[in-house]
């Protein structure tokens, strides 16, 4: 059948419209881009927690129209992992794919790195744990009869970590260096470990004890009086047993025998003079 001019014109218009649409869609070209996407965990129960280190972001390579790729930002990209079906401690591996990424129409996921994530999920428990006083004293001082009030505090966290925790420490206790009893109020150090926390973040404890000062060498030693022959008085020597082991620094001999010899010579001179 012979085509009429009217029908030929419709076909021409259809071809022009298709060409315009194709240019609008593909005229700017197709490209690829790699961007970082944040990892978001959804549906985790309130009594559960992730205990292993996992990446906060992954790299996503996408392809599509350059105009649409150029409008993407890192805030637009999220890798969503749904764990709503997990209700007890478990170790789960997720293979990441395009279904985990929310993208605009016309953009496709080509690759995700890393492409697998492991989640170690544990149960959160509460436990009362002893508090130890933390001191840093010089060798001249010592502390005894230490008591902490309250002696235990409540903490919460993953069961796998809390079961290995024996105690928590107070902040550094710095009593005034005066011999005798003391009482100091201090904070409590945050427990070491991810997701472990004090039930009362503002908790404080009172540390009691007795402070003792150690005498310096040579101080506070017992004394003994060595009588002088023929006299009622004498010379005080601190701890004679130790003095016998003290050298004079010249010939390595003890000072005490020499002192006794000099004392005897003085007595003999006085007797001769009489």
C-alpha atoms as a PDB file:
ATOM      1  CA  UNK A   1       0.000   0.000   0.000  1.00  0.00           C
ATOM      2  CA  UNK A   2       1.283   3.413  -0.910  1.00  0.00           C
ATOM      3  CA  UNK A   3       2.176   5.673   2.038  1.00  0.00           C
ATOM      4  CA  UNK A   4       0.365   8.955   2.285  1.00  0.00           C
ATOM      5  CA  UNK A   5       2.219  12.210   3.090  1.00  0.00           C
ATOM      6  CA  UNK A   6       0.257  12.448   6.397  1.00  0.00           C
ATOM      7  CA  UNK A   7       1.346   9.030   7.561  1.00  0.00           C
ATOM      8  CA  UNK A   8       4.937   9.718   6.566  1.00  0.00           C
ATOM      9  CA  UNK A   9       4.884  12.923   8.616  1.00  0.00           C
ATOM     10  CA  UNK A  10       3.726  11.053  11.753  1.00  0.00           C
ATOM     11  CA  UNK A  11       6.592   8.606  11.428  1.00  0.00           C
ATOM     12  CA  UNK A  12       9.046  11.434  11.035  1.00  0.00           C
ATOM     13  CA  UNK A  13       7.730  13.155  14.157  1.00  0.00           C
ATOM     14  CA  UNK A  14       7.953   9.915  16.125  1.00  0.00           C
ATOM     15  CA  UNK A  15      11.540   9.482  15.037  1.00  0.00           C
ATOM     16  CA  UNK A  16      12.431  13.044  16.077  1.00  0.00           C
ATOM     17  CA  UNK A  17      10.796  12.644  19.501  1.00  0.00           C
ATOM     18  CA  UNK A  18      12.653   9.372  20.093  1.00  0.00           C
ATOM     19  CA  UNK A  19      15.912  11.038  19.101  1.00  0.00           C
ATOM     20  CA  UNK A  20      15.314  13.938  21.500  1.00  0.00           C
ATOM     21  CA  UNK A  21      14.495  11.571  24.359  1.00  0.00           C
ATOM     22  CA  UNK A  22      17.579   9.475  23.646  1.00  0.00           C
ATOM     23  CA  UNK A  23      19.768  12.573  23.667  1.00  0.00           C
ATOM     24  CA  UNK A  24      18.279  13.722  26.962  1.00  0.00           C
ATOM     25  CA  UNK A  25      18.918  10.365  28.566  1.00  0.00           C
ATOM     26  CA  UNK A  26      22.224   9.376  26.987  1.00  0.00           C
ATOM     27  CA  UNK A  27      23.583  12.598  25.644  1.00  0.00           C
ATOM     28  CA  UNK A  28      25.720  13.264  28.719  1.00  0.00           C
ATOM     29  CA  UNK A  29      27.236   9.766  28.625  1.00  0.00           C
ATOM     30  CA  UNK A  30      27.542   6.921  31.093  1.00  0.00           C
ATOM     31  CA  UNK A  31      30.289   6.699  33.728  1.00  0.00           C
ATOM     32  CA  UNK A  32      31.355   5.063  36.975  1.00  0.00           C
ATOM     33  CA  UNK A  33      32.238   6.458  40.377  1.00  0.00           C
ATOM     34  CA  UNK A  34      33.451   4.997  43.682  1.00  0.00           C
ATOM     35  CA  UNK A  35      32.283   6.530  46.947  1.00  0.00           C
ATOM     36  CA  UNK A  36      32.201   5.604  50.637  1.00  0.00           C
ATOM     37  CA  UNK A  37      28.906   4.552  52.173  1.00  0.00           C
ATOM     38  CA  UNK A  38      28.156   4.363  55.906  1.00  0.00           C
ATOM     39  CA  UNK A  39      27.164   0.980  57.361  1.00  0.00           C
ATOM     40  CA  UNK A  40      23.905   1.083  59.333  1.00  0.00           C
ATOM     41  CA  UNK A  41      22.664  -1.801  61.502  1.00  0.00           C
ATOM     42  CA  UNK A  42      18.883  -2.015  61.822  1.00  0.00           C
ATOM     43  CA  UNK A  43      16.622  -4.065  64.066  1.00  0.00           C
ATOM     44  CA  UNK A  44      19.141  -4.946  66.807  1.00  0.00           C
ATOM     45  CA  UNK A  45      17.372  -5.830  70.067  1.00  0.00           C
ATOM     46  CA  UNK A  46      17.824  -3.554  73.093  1.00  0.00           C
ATOM     47  CA  UNK A  47      19.408  -6.378  75.110  1.00  0.00           C
ATOM     48  CA  UNK A  48      21.924  -7.230  72.360  1.00  0.00           C
ATOM     49  CA  UNK A  49      25.144  -5.562  71.230  1.00  0.00           C
ATOM     50  CA  UNK A  50      27.780  -6.007  68.506  1.00  0.00           C
ATOM     51  CA  UNK A  51      31.114  -6.799  70.189  1.00  0.00           C
ATOM     52  CA  UNK A  52      33.539  -7.136  67.256  1.00  0.00           C
ATOM     53  CA  UNK A  53      35.249  -4.326  65.356  1.00  0.00           C
ATOM     54  CA  UNK A  54      33.538  -3.766  62.034  1.00  0.00           C
ATOM     55  CA  UNK A  55      34.083  -1.047  59.418  1.00  0.00           C
ATOM     56  CA  UNK A  56      31.943   2.038  59.768  1.00  0.00           C
ATOM     57  CA  UNK A  57      32.133   2.592  55.989  1.00  0.00           C
ATOM     58  CA  UNK A  58      32.551   0.517  52.838  1.00  0.00           C
ATOM     59  CA  UNK A  59      33.476   1.528  49.276  1.00  0.00           C
ATOM     60  CA  UNK A  60      30.713   1.304  46.691  1.00  0.00           C
ATOM     61  CA  UNK A  61      31.434   1.473  42.950  1.00  0.00           C
ATOM     62  CA  UNK A  62      28.415   2.609  40.879  1.00  0.00           C
ATOM     63  CA  UNK A  63      27.634   3.150  37.221  1.00  0.00           C
ATOM     64  CA  UNK A  64      25.003   5.283  35.521  1.00  0.00           C
ATOM     65  CA  UNK A  65      24.378   8.624  33.865  1.00  0.00           C
ATOM     66  CA  UNK A  66      27.086  11.108  34.642  1.00  0.00           C
ATOM     67  CA  UNK A  67      24.589  13.807  35.568  1.00  0.00           C
ATOM     68  CA  UNK A  68      23.009  11.569  38.215  1.00  0.00           C
ATOM     69  CA  UNK A  69      26.332  10.306  39.505  1.00  0.00           C
ATOM     70  CA  UNK A  70      27.575  13.868  39.899  1.00  0.00           C
ATOM     71  CA  UNK A  71      24.640  14.659  42.207  1.00  0.00           C
ATOM     72  CA  UNK A  72      25.423  11.837  44.635  1.00  0.00           C
ATOM     73  CA  UNK A  73      27.025  12.630  48.004  1.00  0.00           C
ATOM     74  CA  UNK A  74      28.314  10.386  50.799  1.00  0.00           C
ATOM     75  CA  UNK A  75      25.272  11.426  52.845  1.00  0.00           C
ATOM     76  CA  UNK A  76      23.038   9.854  50.200  1.00  0.00           C
ATOM     77  CA  UNK A  77      24.755   6.454  50.427  1.00  0.00           C
ATOM     78  CA  UNK A  78      24.013   3.911  53.137  1.00  0.00           C
ATOM     79  CA  UNK A  79      24.560   0.183  53.387  1.00  0.00           C
ATOM     80  CA  UNK A  80      21.648  -1.139  55.442  1.00  0.00           C
ATOM     81  CA  UNK A  81      21.955  -4.457  57.311  1.00  0.00           C
ATOM     82  CA  UNK A  82      18.798  -5.770  58.948  1.00  0.00           C
ATOM     83  CA  UNK A  83      19.341  -8.036  61.988  1.00  0.00           C
ATOM     84  CA  UNK A  84      15.757  -7.963  63.266  1.00  0.00           C
ATOM     85  CA  UNK A  85      15.609 -11.747  63.140  1.00  0.00           C
ATOM     86  CA  UNK A  86      18.504 -12.192  65.616  1.00  0.00           C
ATOM     87  CA  UNK A  87      17.284 -12.630  69.199  1.00  0.00           C
ATOM     88  CA  UNK A  88      20.265 -14.328  70.907  1.00  0.00           C
ATOM     89  CA  UNK A  89      24.102 -14.278  70.841  1.00  0.00           C
ATOM     90  CA  UNK A  90      25.420 -15.344  67.466  1.00  0.00           C
ATOM     91  CA  UNK A  91      28.150 -14.893  64.852  1.00  0.00           C
ATOM     92  CA  UNK A  92      26.675 -13.928  61.475  1.00  0.00           C
ATOM     93  CA  UNK A  93      28.297 -13.234  58.105  1.00  0.00           C
ATOM     94  CA  UNK A  94      26.580 -10.980  55.575  1.00  0.00           C
ATOM     95  CA  UNK A  95      27.370 -10.947  51.860  1.00  0.00           C
ATOM     96  CA  UNK A  96      26.902  -7.362  50.709  1.00  0.00           C
ATOM     97  CA  UNK A  97      25.137  -6.753  47.396  1.00  0.00           C
ATOM     98  CA  UNK A  98      23.086  -4.127  45.578  1.00  0.00           C
ATOM     99  CA  UNK A  99      20.025  -4.938  47.711  1.00  0.00           C
ATOM    100  CA  UNK A 100      21.798  -3.445  50.754  1.00  0.00           C
ATOM    101  CA  UNK A 101      22.358  -0.068  49.042  1.00  0.00           C
ATOM    102  CA  UNK A 102      19.649   2.522  48.408  1.00  0.00           C
ATOM    103  CA  UNK A 103      20.312   4.357  45.099  1.00  0.00           C
ATOM    104  CA  UNK A 104      18.349   6.660  42.777  1.00  0.00           C
ATOM    105  CA  UNK A 105      16.818   5.340  39.567  1.00  0.00           C
ATOM    106  CA  UNK A 106      19.329   4.947  36.756  1.00  0.00           C
ATOM    107  CA  UNK A 107      22.310   4.164  39.037  1.00  0.00           C
ATOM    108  CA  UNK A 108      23.502   0.596  39.565  1.00  0.00           C
ATOM    109  CA  UNK A 109      25.915  -0.965  42.040  1.00  0.00           C
ATOM    110  CA  UNK A 110      28.931  -2.539  40.353  1.00  0.00           C
ATOM    111  CA  UNK A 111      31.058  -3.523  43.373  1.00  0.00           C
ATOM    112  CA  UNK A 112      31.204  -3.236  47.189  1.00  0.00           C
ATOM    113  CA  UNK A 113      34.474  -3.470  49.131  1.00  0.00           C
ATOM    114  CA  UNK A 114      34.667  -5.305  51.444  1.00  0.00           C
ATOM    115  CA  UNK A 115      31.882  -7.481  50.106  1.00  0.00           C
ATOM    116  CA  UNK A 116      31.367  -9.436  53.361  1.00  0.00           C
ATOM    117  CA  UNK A 117      30.835  -8.344  56.968  1.00  0.00           C
ATOM    118  CA  UNK A 118      30.926 -10.445  60.112  1.00  0.00           C
ATOM    119  CA  UNK A 119      28.807  -9.506  63.131  1.00  0.00           C
ATOM    120  CA  UNK A 120      29.488 -10.971  66.576  1.00  0.00           C
ATOM    121  CA  UNK A 121      26.385 -10.344  68.642  1.00  0.00           C
ATOM    122  CA  UNK A 122      26.292 -10.853  72.409  1.00  0.00           C
ATOM    123  CA  UNK A 123      23.805 -10.381  75.230  1.00  0.00           C
ATOM    124  CA  UNK A 124      23.983  -7.346  77.571  1.00  0.00           C
ATOM    125  CA  UNK A 125      24.046  -8.262  81.272  1.00  0.00           C
ATOM    126  CA  UNK A 126      24.360  -6.434  84.594  1.00  0.00           C
ATOM    127  CA  UNK A 127      26.780  -7.294  87.356  1.00  0.00           C
ATOM    128  CA  UNK A 128      27.974  -5.971  90.727  1.00  0.00           C
ATOM    129  CA  UNK A 129      31.769  -5.669  90.660  1.00  0.00           C
ATOM    130  CA  UNK A 130      34.286  -4.728  93.407  1.00  0.00           C
ATOM    131  CA  UNK A 131      36.007  -1.341  93.400  1.00  0.00           C
ATOM    132  CA  UNK A 132      39.757  -1.169  94.101  1.00  0.00           C
ATOM    133  CA  UNK A 133      41.464   1.966  95.415  1.00  0.00           C
ATOM    134  CA  UNK A 134      44.212   3.318  93.142  1.00  0.00           C
ATOM    135  CA  UNK A 135      47.236   4.827  94.934  1.00  0.00           C
ATOM    136  CA  UNK A 136      50.558   6.205  93.728  1.00  0.00           C
ATOM    137  CA  UNK A 137      52.752   6.882  96.766  1.00  0.00           C
ATOM    138  CA  UNK A 138      56.496   7.428  97.066  1.00  0.00           C
ATOM    139  CA  UNK A 139      58.678   4.903  98.904  1.00  0.00           C
ATOM    140  CA  UNK A 140      58.619   7.172 101.988  1.00  0.00           C
ATOM    141  CA  UNK A 141      54.908   6.490 102.543  1.00  0.00           C
ATOM    142  CA  UNK A 142      52.700   3.473 102.910  1.00  0.00           C
ATOM    143  CA  UNK A 143      48.973   2.939 103.416  1.00  0.00           C
ATOM    144  CA  UNK A 144      47.185   0.192 105.353  1.00  0.00           C
ATOM    145  CA  UNK A 145      43.631  -0.719 106.378  1.00  0.00           C
ATOM    146  CA  UNK A 146      42.226   0.453 103.038  1.00  0.00           C
ATOM    147  CA  UNK A 147      38.434   0.398 102.727  1.00  0.00           C
ATOM    148  CA  UNK A 148      36.242   1.596  99.844  1.00  0.00           C
ATOM    149  CA  UNK A 149      32.623   2.702 100.292  1.00  0.00           C
ATOM    150  CA  UNK A 150      30.592   1.533  98.481  1.00  0.00           C
ATOM    151  CA  UNK A 151      32.727  -1.545  97.939  1.00  0.00           C
ATOM    152  CA  UNK A 152      30.855  -2.669  94.768  1.00  0.00           C
ATOM    153  CA  UNK A 153      29.171  -0.875  91.854  1.00  0.00           C
ATOM    154  CA  UNK A 154      26.769  -2.014  89.128  1.00  0.00           C
ATOM    155  CA  UNK A 155      28.039  -2.203  85.550  1.00  0.00           C
ATOM    156  CA  UNK A 156      26.462  -3.376  82.297  1.00  0.00           C
ATOM    157  CA  UNK A 157      27.892  -4.666  79.054  1.00  0.00           C
ATOM    158  CA  UNK A 158      28.454  -7.709  76.826  1.00  0.00           C
ATOM    159  CA  UNK A 159      28.448 -10.950  78.763  1.00  0.00           C
ATOM    160  CA  UNK A 160      31.632 -12.186  77.071  1.00  0.00           C
ATOM    161  CA  UNK A 161      33.622  -9.218  78.441  1.00  0.00           C
ATOM    162  CA  UNK A 162      31.996  -8.690  81.833  1.00  0.00           C
ATOM    163  CA  UNK A 163      32.594 -12.315  82.831  1.00  0.00           C
ATOM    164  CA  UNK A 164      36.364 -11.718  82.558  1.00  0.00           C
ATOM    165  CA  UNK A 165      36.310  -8.420  84.502  1.00  0.00           C
ATOM    166  CA  UNK A 166      37.432  -8.946  88.115  1.00  0.00           C
ATOM    167  CA  UNK A 167      37.264  -5.375  89.433  1.00  0.00           C
ATOM    168  CA  UNK A 168      37.224  -1.706  88.502  1.00  0.00           C
ATOM    169  CA  UNK A 169      39.525   1.008  89.849  1.00  0.00           C
ATOM    170  CA  UNK A 170      38.875   4.276  91.540  1.00  0.00           C
ATOM    171  CA  UNK A 171      40.426   7.436  90.232  1.00  0.00           C
ATOM    172  CA  UNK A 172      43.854   8.251  91.673  1.00  0.00           C
ATOM    173  CA  UNK A 173      43.648   8.639  95.482  1.00  0.00           C
ATOM    174  CA  UNK A 174      45.924  11.441  96.725  1.00  0.00           C
ATOM    175  CA  UNK A 175      45.578  11.880 100.501  1.00  0.00           C
ATOM    176  CA  UNK A 176      47.428  14.667 102.342  1.00  0.00           C
ATOM    177  CA  UNK A 177      50.826  13.346 103.401  1.00  0.00           C
ATOM    178  CA  UNK A 178      50.108  13.396 107.129  1.00  0.00           C
ATOM    179  CA  UNK A 179      50.564  10.181 109.135  1.00  0.00           C
ATOM    180  CA  UNK A 180      47.273   8.809 110.399  1.00  0.00           C
ATOM    181  CA  UNK A 181      43.783   7.962 109.167  1.00  0.00           C
ATOM    182  CA  UNK A 182      42.296   9.658 106.090  1.00  0.00           C
ATOM    183  CA  UNK A 183      39.135   9.638 103.951  1.00  0.00           C
ATOM    184  CA  UNK A 184      39.131  10.835 100.327  1.00  0.00           C
ATOM    185  CA  UNK A 185      36.172  11.018  97.904  1.00  0.00           C
ATOM    186  CA  UNK A 186      37.100  10.197  94.277  1.00  0.00           C
ATOM    187  CA  UNK A 187      35.480   9.300  90.961  1.00  0.00           C
ATOM    188  CA  UNK A 188      35.515   5.827  89.448  1.00  0.00           C
ATOM    189  CA  UNK A 189      37.420   5.053  86.259  1.00  0.00           C
ATOM    190  CA  UNK A 190      35.298   3.928  83.321  1.00  0.00           C
ATOM    191  CA  UNK A 191      35.666   0.185  82.746  1.00  0.00           C
ATOM    192  CA  UNK A 192      37.942  -0.792  79.878  1.00  0.00           C
ATOM    193  CA  UNK A 193      36.100  -2.375  76.958  1.00  0.00           C
ATOM    194  CA  UNK A 194      33.666  -1.444  74.230  1.00  0.00           C
ATOM    195  CA  UNK A 195      30.044  -1.103  75.410  1.00  0.00           C
ATOM    196  CA  UNK A 196      30.928  -1.632  79.116  1.00  0.00           C
ATOM    197  CA  UNK A 197      29.624   1.194  81.283  1.00  0.00           C
ATOM    198  CA  UNK A 198      28.733   2.111  84.843  1.00  0.00           C
ATOM    199  CA  UNK A 199      25.035   2.012  85.584  1.00  0.00           C
ATOM    200  CA  UNK A 200      25.544   5.312  87.425  1.00  0.00           C
ATOM    201  CA  UNK A 201      27.973   7.427  85.325  1.00  0.00           C
ATOM    202  CA  UNK A 202      28.267   9.935  88.200  1.00  0.00           C
ATOM    203  CA  UNK A 203      29.198   7.318  90.807  1.00  0.00           C
ATOM    204  CA  UNK A 204      31.828   8.294  93.419  1.00  0.00           C
ATOM    205  CA  UNK A 205      33.430   6.324  96.223  1.00  0.00           C
ATOM    206  CA  UNK A 206      35.026   7.200  99.580  1.00  0.00           C
ATOM    207  CA  UNK A 207      38.437   5.651 100.221  1.00  0.00           C
ATOM    208  CA  UNK A 208      39.501   5.204 103.861  1.00  0.00           C
ATOM    209  CA  UNK A 209      42.927   4.161 105.128  1.00  0.00           C
ATOM    210  CA  UNK A 210      45.832   4.856 107.469  1.00  0.00           C
ATOM    211  CA  UNK A 211      48.899   6.640 106.135  1.00  0.00           C
ATOM    212  CA  UNK A 212      52.364   5.733 107.467  1.00  0.00           C
ATOM    213  CA  UNK A 213      55.647   7.609 106.986  1.00  0.00           C
ATOM    214  CA  UNK A 214      58.879   5.584 106.667  1.00  0.00           C
ATOM    215  CA  UNK A 215      61.913   7.160 108.497  1.00  0.00           C
ATOM    216  CA  UNK A 216      64.889   8.140 106.416  1.00  0.00           C
ATOM    217  CA  UNK A 217      68.084   6.019 106.828  1.00  0.00           C
ATOM    218  CA  UNK A 218      69.753   6.774 110.188  1.00  0.00           C
ATOM    219  CA  UNK A 219      66.623   8.347 111.722  1.00  0.00           C
ATOM    220  CA  UNK A 220      64.805   6.812 114.645  1.00  0.00           C
ATOM    221  CA  UNK A 221      67.450   4.120 115.348  1.00  0.00           C
ATOM    222  CA  UNK A 222      67.920   2.798 118.917  1.00  0.00           C
ATOM    223  CA  UNK A 223      70.899   4.203 120.863  1.00  0.00           C
ATOM    224  CA  UNK A 224      73.306   2.597 123.313  1.00  0.00           C
ATOM    225  CA  UNK A 225      75.611   4.307 125.832  1.00  0.00           C
ATOM    226  CA  UNK A 226      79.202   3.105 125.937  1.00  0.00           C
ATOM    227  CA  UNK A 227      80.607   3.866 129.438  1.00  0.00           C
ATOM    228  CA  UNK A 228      84.066   5.374 129.686  1.00  0.00           C
ATOM    229  CA  UNK A 229      86.378   3.411 131.938  1.00  0.00           C
ATOM    230  CA  UNK A 230      86.577   5.098 135.345  1.00  0.00           C
ATOM    231  CA  UNK A 231      83.736   7.488 134.592  1.00  0.00           C
ATOM    232  CA  UNK A 232      80.011   7.444 135.043  1.00  0.00           C
ATOM    233  CA  UNK A 233      79.161   9.111 131.772  1.00  0.00           C
ATOM    234  CA  UNK A 234      79.559   7.808 128.234  1.00  0.00           C
ATOM    235  CA  UNK A 235      79.157   8.447 124.508  1.00  0.00           C
ATOM    236  CA  UNK A 236      75.883   7.660 122.718  1.00  0.00           C
ATOM    237  CA  UNK A 237      76.305   5.455 119.662  1.00  0.00           C
ATOM    238  CA  UNK A 238      73.284   4.843 117.409  1.00  0.00           C
ATOM    239  CA  UNK A 239      72.803   1.125 116.788  1.00  0.00           C
ATOM    240  CA  UNK A 240      76.394  -0.045 117.599  1.00  0.00           C
ATOM    241  CA  UNK A 241      75.911  -3.320 115.734  1.00  0.00           C
ATOM    242  CA  UNK A 242      75.302  -1.400 112.533  1.00  0.00           C
ATOM    243  CA  UNK A 243      78.102   1.056 113.356  1.00  0.00           C
ATOM    244  CA  UNK A 244      80.618  -1.784 113.379  1.00  0.00           C
ATOM    245  CA  UNK A 245      79.917  -2.248 109.676  1.00  0.00           C
ATOM    246  CA  UNK A 246      80.371   1.422 108.784  1.00  0.00           C
ATOM    247  CA  UNK A 247      83.716   2.363 107.226  1.00  0.00           C
ATOM    248  CA  UNK A 248      85.425   5.680 107.734  1.00  0.00           C
ATOM    249  CA  UNK A 249      86.028   6.020 103.974  1.00  0.00           C
ATOM    250  CA  UNK A 250      89.829   6.271 104.394  1.00  0.00           C
ATOM    251  CA  UNK A 251      91.279   2.900 105.334  1.00  0.00           C
ATOM    252  CA  UNK A 252      88.106   0.818 105.482  1.00  0.00           C
ATOM    253  CA  UNK A 253      88.423   0.261 109.286  1.00  0.00           C
ATOM    254  CA  UNK A 254      85.599   0.616 111.771  1.00  0.00           C
ATOM    255  CA  UNK A 255      85.408   3.850 113.772  1.00  0.00           C
ATOM    256  CA  UNK A 256      84.232   2.190 116.984  1.00  0.00           C
ATOM    257  CA  UNK A 257      87.473   0.351 117.970  1.00  0.00           C
ATOM    258  CA  UNK A 258      89.448   3.535 117.384  1.00  0.00           C
ATOM    259  CA  UNK A 259      86.983   5.486 119.508  1.00  0.00           C
ATOM    260  CA  UNK A 260      87.320   2.994 122.390  1.00  0.00           C
ATOM    261  CA  UNK A 261      91.167   3.148 122.122  1.00  0.00           C
ATOM    262  CA  UNK A 262      91.160   6.939 122.340  1.00  0.00           C
ATOM    263  CA  UNK A 263      88.844   6.855 125.337  1.00  0.00           C
ATOM    264  CA  UNK A 264      91.157   4.398 127.197  1.00  0.00           C
ATOM    265  CA  UNK A 265      94.222   6.550 126.473  1.00  0.00           C
ATOM    266  CA  UNK A 266      92.461   9.614 127.915  1.00  0.00           C
ATOM    267  CA  UNK A 267      91.619   7.720 131.096  1.00  0.00           C
ATOM    268  CA  UNK A 268      95.219   6.494 131.542  1.00  0.00           C
ATOM    269  CA  UNK A 269      96.568  10.032 131.119  1.00  0.00           C
ATOM    270  CA  UNK A 270      94.215  11.329 133.800  1.00  0.00           C
ATOM    271  CA  UNK A 271      95.253   8.529 136.238  1.00  0.00           C
ATOM    272  CA  UNK A 272      98.969   9.270 135.702  1.00  0.00           C
ATOM    273  CA  UNK A 273      98.359  12.941 136.240  1.00  0.00           C
ATOM    274  CA  UNK A 274      96.696  12.186 139.592  1.00  0.00           C
END
